[in-house]
C-alpha atoms as a PDB file:
ATOM      1  CA  MET A   1     116.756  96.866 114.784  1.00  0.00           C
ATOM      2  CA  PHE A   2     115.239  97.901 111.427  1.00  0.00           C
ATOM      3  CA  VAL A   3     117.013 101.020 110.243  1.00  0.00           C
ATOM      4  CA  LYS A   4     115.695 103.298 107.363  1.00  0.00           C
ATOM      5  CA  ILE A   5     117.692 106.149 105.950  1.00  0.00           C
ATOM      6  CA  CYS A   6     115.200 108.471 104.307  1.00  0.00           C
ATOM      7  CA  GLY A   7     115.411 111.484 102.062  1.00  0.00           C
ATOM      8  CA  ILE A   8     117.682 109.794  99.436  1.00  0.00           C
ATOM      9  CA  THR A   9     118.044 112.071  96.417  1.00  0.00           C
ATOM     10  CA  ASN A  10     121.051 110.486  94.638  1.00  0.00           C
ATOM     11  CA  GLU A  11     122.598 106.985  93.848  1.00  0.00           C
ATOM     12  CA  GLU A  12     125.780 107.762  95.828  1.00  0.00           C
ATOM     13  CA  ASP A  13     123.942 108.278  99.084  1.00  0.00           C
ATOM     14  CA  ALA A  14     121.753 105.216  98.510  1.00  0.00           C
ATOM     15  CA  LEU A  15     124.758 102.955  97.941  1.00  0.00           C
ATOM     16  CA  LEU A  16     126.365 104.596 100.921  1.00  0.00           C
ATOM     17  CA  ALA A  17     123.501 103.746 103.206  1.00  0.00           C
ATOM     18  CA  VAL A  18     123.326 100.182 101.965  1.00  0.00           C
ATOM     19  CA  ALA A  19     127.107  99.639 102.341  1.00  0.00           C
ATOM     20  CA  LEU A  20     126.858 100.870 105.890  1.00  0.00           C
ATOM     21  CA  GLY A  21     124.127  98.434 106.748  1.00  0.00           C
ATOM     22  CA  ALA A  22     120.713 100.237 106.320  1.00  0.00           C
ATOM     23  CA  ASP A  23     117.747  97.841 105.884  1.00  0.00           C
ATOM     24  CA  ALA A  24     115.734 100.425 103.865  1.00  0.00           C
ATOM     25  CA  VAL A  25     116.126 103.720 101.995  1.00  0.00           C
ATOM     26  CA  GLY A  26     113.331 106.179 101.475  1.00  0.00           C
ATOM     27  CA  PHE A  27     112.497 108.436  98.600  1.00  0.00           C
ATOM     28  CA  VAL A  28     110.369 111.551  99.269  1.00  0.00           C
ATOM     29  CA  PHE A  29     107.760 112.154  96.649  1.00  0.00           C
ATOM     30  CA  ALA A  30     105.986 114.831  98.808  1.00  0.00           C
ATOM     31  CA  PRO A  31     106.899 118.609  98.598  1.00  0.00           C
ATOM     32  CA  SER A  32     110.315 118.755 100.531  1.00  0.00           C
ATOM     33  CA  PRO A  33     113.949 119.920 100.075  1.00  0.00           C
ATOM     34  CA  ARG A  34     114.501 116.205  99.567  1.00  0.00           C
ATOM     35  CA  GLN A  35     111.775 115.555  96.957  1.00  0.00           C
ATOM     36  CA  ILE A  36     112.568 113.274  94.113  1.00  0.00           C
ATOM     37  CA  ALA A  37     110.803 112.277  90.962  1.00  0.00           C
ATOM     38  CA  PRO A  38     109.421 108.686  90.828  1.00  0.00           C
ATOM     39  CA  ALA A  39     111.338 107.894  87.664  1.00  0.00           C
ATOM     40  CA  ARG A  40     114.666 109.028  89.218  1.00  0.00           C
ATOM     41  CA  ALA A  41     113.948 107.079  92.378  1.00  0.00           C
ATOM     42  CA  GLY A  42     113.233 103.991  90.313  1.00  0.00           C
ATOM     43  CA  ASP A  43     116.611 104.398  88.470  1.00  0.00           C
ATOM     44  CA  ILE A  44     118.431 104.497  91.869  1.00  0.00           C
ATOM     45  CA  ALA A  45     116.342 101.669  93.382  1.00  0.00           C
ATOM     46  CA  ARG A  46     117.211  99.310  90.403  1.00  0.00           C
ATOM     47  CA  ARG A  47     120.861  99.653  91.319  1.00  0.00           C
ATOM     48  CA  LEU A  48     120.431  98.583  94.940  1.00  0.00           C
ATOM     49  CA  PRO A  49     120.779  94.975  96.328  1.00  0.00           C
ATOM     50  CA  PRO A  50     117.461  93.102  96.439  1.00  0.00           C
ATOM     51  CA  GLU A  51     117.691  92.621 100.269  1.00  0.00           C
ATOM     52  CA  VAL A  52     117.275  96.522 100.712  1.00  0.00           C
ATOM     53  CA  LEU A  53     113.711  97.648 101.152  1.00  0.00           C
ATOM     54  CA  THR A  54     112.877 100.701  98.982  1.00  0.00           C
ATOM     55  CA  VAL A  55     110.284 103.088 100.300  1.00  0.00           C
ATOM     56  CA  GLY A  56     108.273 105.837  98.625  1.00  0.00           C
ATOM     57  CA  VAL A  57     107.150 108.605 101.025  1.00  0.00           C
ATOM     58  CA  PHE A  58     103.779 110.402 100.295  1.00  0.00           C
ATOM     59  CA  ARG A  59     101.793 113.060 102.173  1.00  0.00           C
ATOM     60  CA  ASP A  60      98.026 113.517 101.495  1.00  0.00           C
ATOM     61  CA  GLU A  61      98.333 112.345  97.882  1.00  0.00           C
ATOM     62  CA  THR A  62      95.399 110.604  96.177  1.00  0.00           C
ATOM     63  CA  GLN A  63      95.379 106.889  96.485  1.00  0.00           C
ATOM     64  CA  GLU A  64      95.580 106.392  92.768  1.00  0.00           C
ATOM     65  CA  ARG A  65      98.566 108.643  92.540  1.00  0.00           C
ATOM     66  CA  VAL A  66     100.358 106.759  95.320  1.00  0.00           C
ATOM     67  CA  VAL A  67      99.883 103.447  93.496  1.00  0.00           C
ATOM     68  CA  GLU A  68     100.852 104.986  90.111  1.00  0.00           C
ATOM     69  CA  ALA A  69     104.101 106.454  91.487  1.00  0.00           C
ATOM     70  CA  MET A  70     104.946 103.194  93.327  1.00  0.00           C
ATOM     71  CA  ASN A  71     104.528 101.213  90.174  1.00  0.00           C
ATOM     72  CA  LYS A  72     106.509 103.682  88.045  1.00  0.00           C
ATOM     73  CA  ALA A  73     109.401 103.650  90.495  1.00  0.00           C
ATOM     74  CA  GLY A  74     109.179  99.886  91.265  1.00  0.00           C
ATOM     75  CA  LEU A  75     109.485 100.457  95.025  1.00  0.00           C
ATOM     76  CA  ARG A  76     108.320  97.917  97.591  1.00  0.00           C
ATOM     77  CA  ALA A  77     106.760  99.899 100.397  1.00  0.00           C
ATOM     78  CA  ALA A  78     104.510 103.011 100.490  1.00  0.00           C
ATOM     79  CA  GLN A  79     104.864 105.375 103.500  1.00  0.00           C
ATOM     80  CA  LEU A  80     101.804 107.520 103.971  1.00  0.00           C
ATOM     81  CA  HIS A  81     102.909 110.466 105.997  1.00  0.00           C
ATOM     82  CA  GLY A  82      99.908 112.691 105.934  1.00  0.00           C
ATOM     83  CA  ARG A  83      96.199 112.515 107.080  1.00  0.00           C
ATOM     84  CA  GLU A  84      95.295 109.608 104.947  1.00  0.00           C
ATOM     85  CA  SER A  85      92.167 107.846 105.905  1.00  0.00           C
ATOM     86  CA  VAL A  86      91.707 104.135 106.828  1.00  0.00           C
ATOM     87  CA  ALA A  87      90.006 103.622 103.527  1.00  0.00           C
ATOM     88  CA  THR A  88      92.939 105.298 101.524  1.00  0.00           C
ATOM     89  CA  THR A  89      95.336 103.181 103.521  1.00  0.00           C
ATOM     90  CA  GLN A  90      93.424 100.101 102.646  1.00  0.00           C
ATOM     91  CA  TYR A  91      93.390 100.983  98.947  1.00  0.00           C
ATOM     92  CA  VAL A  92      97.115 101.395  98.794  1.00  0.00           C
ATOM     93  CA  ALA A  93      97.623  98.255 100.867  1.00  0.00           C
ATOM     94  CA  ASP A  94      95.670  96.344  98.302  1.00  0.00           C
ATOM     95  CA  HIS A  95      97.922  97.531  95.485  1.00  0.00           C
ATOM     96  CA  VAL A  96     101.378  97.831  97.077  1.00  0.00           C
ATOM     97  CA  PRO A  97     103.357  94.977  98.894  1.00  0.00           C
ATOM     98  CA  LEU A  98     103.945  96.874 101.991  1.00  0.00           C
ATOM     99  CA  VAL A  99     102.478  99.990 103.774  1.00  0.00           C
ATOM    100  CA  PHE A 100     103.868 102.090 106.545  1.00  0.00           C
ATOM    101  CA  LYS A 101     101.458 104.765 108.125  1.00  0.00           C
ATOM    102  CA  ALA A 102     102.861 107.745 109.934  1.00  0.00           C
ATOM    103  CA  PHE A 103     101.282 109.498 112.874  1.00  0.00           C
ATOM    104  CA  GLU A 104     102.133 112.671 114.825  1.00  0.00           C
ATOM    105  CA  ALA A 105     103.503 111.822 118.324  1.00  0.00           C
ATOM    106  CA  GLY A 106     100.756 112.367 120.913  1.00  0.00           C
ATOM    107  CA  SER A 107      97.915 112.722 118.425  1.00  0.00           C
ATOM    108  CA  SER A 108      94.501 111.140 118.989  1.00  0.00           C
ATOM    109  CA  GLU A 109      94.974 109.253 115.686  1.00  0.00           C
ATOM    110  CA  LEU A 110      98.028 107.526 117.056  1.00  0.00           C
ATOM    111  CA  ASP A 111      95.752 106.058 119.801  1.00  0.00           C
ATOM    112  CA  ARG A 112      93.676 104.585 117.106  1.00  0.00           C
ATOM    113  CA  ALA A 113      96.437 103.449 114.777  1.00  0.00           C
ATOM    114  CA  SER A 114      95.416  99.830 115.107  1.00  0.00           C
ATOM    115  CA  ARG A 115      92.460 100.585 112.765  1.00  0.00           C
ATOM    116  CA  TYR A 116      94.812 101.178 109.834  1.00  0.00           C
ATOM    117  CA  PRO A 117      95.691  98.233 107.627  1.00  0.00           C
ATOM    118  CA  ALA A 118      99.504  99.098 107.752  1.00  0.00           C
ATOM    119  CA  ASP A 119     102.422  96.653 108.185  1.00  0.00           C
ATOM    120  CA  ALA A 120     104.124  99.279 110.485  1.00  0.00           C
ATOM    121  CA  ILE A 121     103.276 102.585 112.028  1.00  0.00           C
ATOM    122  CA  LEU A 122     105.724 105.394 112.250  1.00  0.00           C
ATOM    123  CA  VAL A 123     105.727 108.008 114.918  1.00  0.00           C
ATOM    124  CA  ASP A 124     107.130 111.415 113.939  1.00  0.00           C
ATOM    125  CA  ALA A 125     107.249 115.029 115.085  1.00  0.00           C
ATOM    126  CA  ALA A 126     104.543 117.400 114.103  1.00  0.00           C
ATOM    127  CA  THR A 127     106.622 118.739 111.156  1.00  0.00           C
ATOM    128  CA  PRO A 128     108.083 115.695 109.216  1.00  0.00           C
ATOM    129  CA  GLY A 129     111.640 116.209 107.979  1.00  0.00           C
ATOM    130  CA  SER A 130     112.316 119.141 110.356  1.00  0.00           C
ATOM    131  CA  GLY A 131     114.729 117.337 112.412  1.00  0.00           C
ATOM    132  CA  ARG A 132     112.900 118.387 115.580  1.00  0.00           C
ATOM    133  CA  LEU A 133     112.739 116.150 118.572  1.00  0.00           C
ATOM    134  CA  PHE A 134     109.572 115.345 120.356  1.00  0.00           C
ATOM    135  CA  ASP A 135     108.889 114.094 123.811  1.00  0.00           C
ATOM    136  CA  TRP A 136     109.495 110.358 123.521  1.00  0.00           C
ATOM    137  CA  ALA A 137     106.791 109.669 126.099  1.00  0.00           C
ATOM    138  CA  LEU A 138     104.327 110.679 123.500  1.00  0.00           C
ATOM    139  CA  ALA A 139     105.255 107.605 121.500  1.00  0.00           C
ATOM    140  CA  GLU A 140     104.717 105.242 124.367  1.00  0.00           C
ATOM    141  CA  ASN A 141     100.842 105.209 123.759  1.00  0.00           C
ATOM    142  CA  ALA A 142     101.311 103.658 120.318  1.00  0.00           C
ATOM    143  CA  PRO A 143      99.510 100.378 119.865  1.00  0.00           C
ATOM    144  CA  ARG A 144     101.860  97.505 120.231  1.00  0.00           C
ATOM    145  CA  ASP A 145      99.879  95.105 117.964  1.00  0.00           C
ATOM    146  CA  LYS A 146     101.800  96.543 115.075  1.00  0.00           C
ATOM    147  CA  ARG A 147     105.474  97.246 114.313  1.00  0.00           C
ATOM    148  CA  LEU A 148     106.550 100.638 115.544  1.00  0.00           C
ATOM    149  CA  ILE A 149     109.023 102.835 113.738  1.00  0.00           C
ATOM    150  CA  MET A 150     110.328 105.948 115.472  1.00  0.00           C
ATOM    151  CA  ALA A 151     111.500 109.062 113.631  1.00  0.00           C
ATOM    152  CA  GLY A 152     111.712 112.763 114.472  1.00  0.00           C
ATOM    153  CA  GLY A 153     114.974 114.390 115.512  1.00  0.00           C
ATOM    154  CA  LEU A 154     116.971 111.323 115.804  1.00  0.00           C
ATOM    155  CA  HIS A 155     120.672 111.306 115.368  1.00  0.00           C
ATOM    156  CA  ALA A 156     123.751 109.355 116.434  1.00  0.00           C
ATOM    157  CA  GLY A 157     123.810 111.093 119.798  1.00  0.00           C
ATOM    158  CA  ASN A 158     120.289 110.152 120.912  1.00  0.00           C
ATOM    159  CA  VAL A 159     119.065 107.168 118.879  1.00  0.00           C
ATOM    160  CA  ARG A 160     120.349 104.737 121.379  1.00  0.00           C
ATOM    161  CA  ASP A 161     118.546 106.295 124.317  1.00  0.00           C
ATOM    162  CA  ALA A 162     115.313 106.676 122.176  1.00  0.00           C
ATOM    163  CA  ILE A 163     115.348 102.992 121.332  1.00  0.00           C
ATOM    164  CA  GLU A 164     115.853 101.888 124.837  1.00  0.00           C
ATOM    165  CA  LYS A 165     113.102 104.136 126.125  1.00  0.00           C
ATOM    166  CA  VAL A 166     110.463 103.550 123.553  1.00  0.00           C
ATOM    167  CA  LEU A 167     111.409 100.051 122.345  1.00  0.00           C
ATOM    168  CA  PRO A 168     110.473 100.527 118.728  1.00  0.00           C
ATOM    169  CA  TRP A 169     110.833  97.825 116.107  1.00  0.00           C
ATOM    170  CA  GLY A 170     112.770 100.191 113.833  1.00  0.00           C
ATOM    171  CA  VAL A 171     114.132 103.835 113.471  1.00  0.00           C
ATOM    172  CA  ASP A 172     113.926 106.250 110.508  1.00  0.00           C
ATOM    173  CA  VAL A 173     116.240 109.207 109.969  1.00  0.00           C
ATOM    174  CA  ALA A 174     116.868 111.917 107.330  1.00  0.00           C
ATOM    175  CA  THR A 175     117.971 115.206 108.731  1.00  0.00           C
ATOM    176  CA  GLY A 176     120.106 113.700 111.528  1.00  0.00           C
ATOM    177  CA  VAL A 177     122.498 112.126 108.993  1.00  0.00           C
ATOM    178  CA  GLU A 178     122.831 114.951 106.558  1.00  0.00           C
ATOM    179  CA  LYS A 179     125.462 117.569 105.719  1.00  0.00           C
ATOM    180  CA  ALA A 180     122.889 119.541 103.749  1.00  0.00           C
ATOM    181  CA  PRO A 181     119.162 118.856 102.784  1.00  0.00           C
ATOM    182  CA  GLY A 182     119.218 115.754 100.536  1.00  0.00           C
ATOM    183  CA  ARG A 183     122.911 115.077 100.904  1.00  0.00           C
ATOM    184  CA  LYS A 184     124.113 112.430 103.449  1.00  0.00           C
ATOM    185  CA  ASP A 185     127.207 112.660 105.542  1.00  0.00           C
ATOM    186  CA  PRO A 186     129.051 109.225 105.601  1.00  0.00           C
ATOM    187  CA  ARG A 187     130.306 109.676 109.122  1.00  0.00           C
ATOM    188  CA  LEU A 188     126.832 110.582 110.449  1.00  0.00           C
ATOM    189  CA  VAL A 189     125.165 107.608 108.676  1.00  0.00           C
ATOM    190  CA  ARG A 190     127.763 105.197 109.961  1.00  0.00           C
ATOM    191  CA  ALA A 191     127.569 106.459 113.466  1.00  0.00           C
ATOM    192  CA  PHE A 192     123.759 106.399 113.483  1.00  0.00           C
ATOM    193  CA  ILE A 193     123.455 102.837 112.318  1.00  0.00           C
ATOM    194  CA  ALA A 194     126.162 101.683 114.758  1.00  0.00           C
ATOM    195  CA  GLU A 195     124.452 103.464 117.686  1.00  0.00           C
ATOM    196  CA  ALA A 196     120.991 101.973 116.666  1.00  0.00           C
ATOM    197  CA  ARG A 197     122.288  98.572 116.468  1.00  0.00           C
ATOM    198  CA  SER A 198     124.091  98.813 119.858  1.00  0.00           C
ATOM    199  CA  ALA A 199     120.845  99.563 121.715  1.00  0.00           C
ATOM    200  CA  LYS A 200     119.754  96.968 124.211  1.00  0.00           C
ATOM    201  CA  VAL A 201     116.159  95.847 123.593  1.00  0.00           C
ATOM    202  CA  PRO A 202     114.126  92.717 124.373  1.00  0.00           C
ATOM    203  CA  VAL A 203     114.338  90.270 121.364  1.00  0.00           C
ATOM    204  CA  GLU A 204     110.557  90.245 121.003  1.00  0.00           C
ATOM    205  CA  THR A 205     110.719  93.842 120.155  1.00  0.00           C
ATOM    206  CA  VAL A 206     112.619  93.321 116.943  1.00  0.00           C
ATOM    207  CA  ALA A 207     111.762  89.649 116.132  1.00  0.00           C
ATOM    208  CA  LYS A 208     108.854  90.674 113.906  1.00  0.00           C
ATOM    209  CA  PRO A 209     109.803  90.139 110.204  1.00  0.00           C
ATOM    210  CA  LEU A 210     107.784  91.951 107.731  1.00  0.00           C
ATOM    211  CA  PRO A 211     104.927  89.845 106.220  1.00  0.00           C
ATOM    212  CA  TYR A 212     106.222  90.202 102.626  1.00  0.00           C
ATOM    213  CA  ASP A 213     109.588  89.174 101.384  1.00  0.00           C
ATOM    214  CA  TRP A 214     110.393  91.956  98.893  1.00  0.00           C
ATOM    215  CA  GLN A 215     113.413  89.942  97.646  1.00  0.00           C
ATOM    216  CA  GLU A 216     111.048  87.416  96.140  1.00  0.00           C
ATOM    217  CA  ASP A 217     109.600  90.103  93.975  1.00  0.00           C
ATOM    218  CA  THR A 218     112.863  91.324  92.427  1.00  0.00           C
END
């Protein structure tokens, strides 16, 4: 199970997430209590092991700005978390190693997510970063020809049930492992990763490696 710890704002939390087994860490460049400057994110990312995927999170930013920020920070994956078009997603995909495209659970766009040239699609609540849970059944209509990452209100107490119901390829958490906005709680991070990894899912659900080996580019 691919596990991403998002909303990283400092080196201590990034290293904590990595030490506890996270596959990816996310840096939020969109307006948010967890927002971080690309230059600062880059400083943190350079101190992480090469096997950890570093992700920049954007919302309704211009395609040129996304690519510029990604290059400045030296991150490997861009997560587009707004109403970006197929064309914008394609532009970013042409200039960035990996792209994750987020959709609101139950939205009509989620039904058409296969049109987007993304390496994975992410299903979230209506308000990203709010920690609010959505009806997991709303994620079940997500197309299965792409890797599915589940977010929105997940925490150690529900992530195993969420995984076993929806069968995503990965999970993404920010609020559910925090002691304050932008500050991670080691106990919550450890418990979340352990619970996610203990979920019982068919092997074909998770046996979809990403098409780009970010370690080769370090």
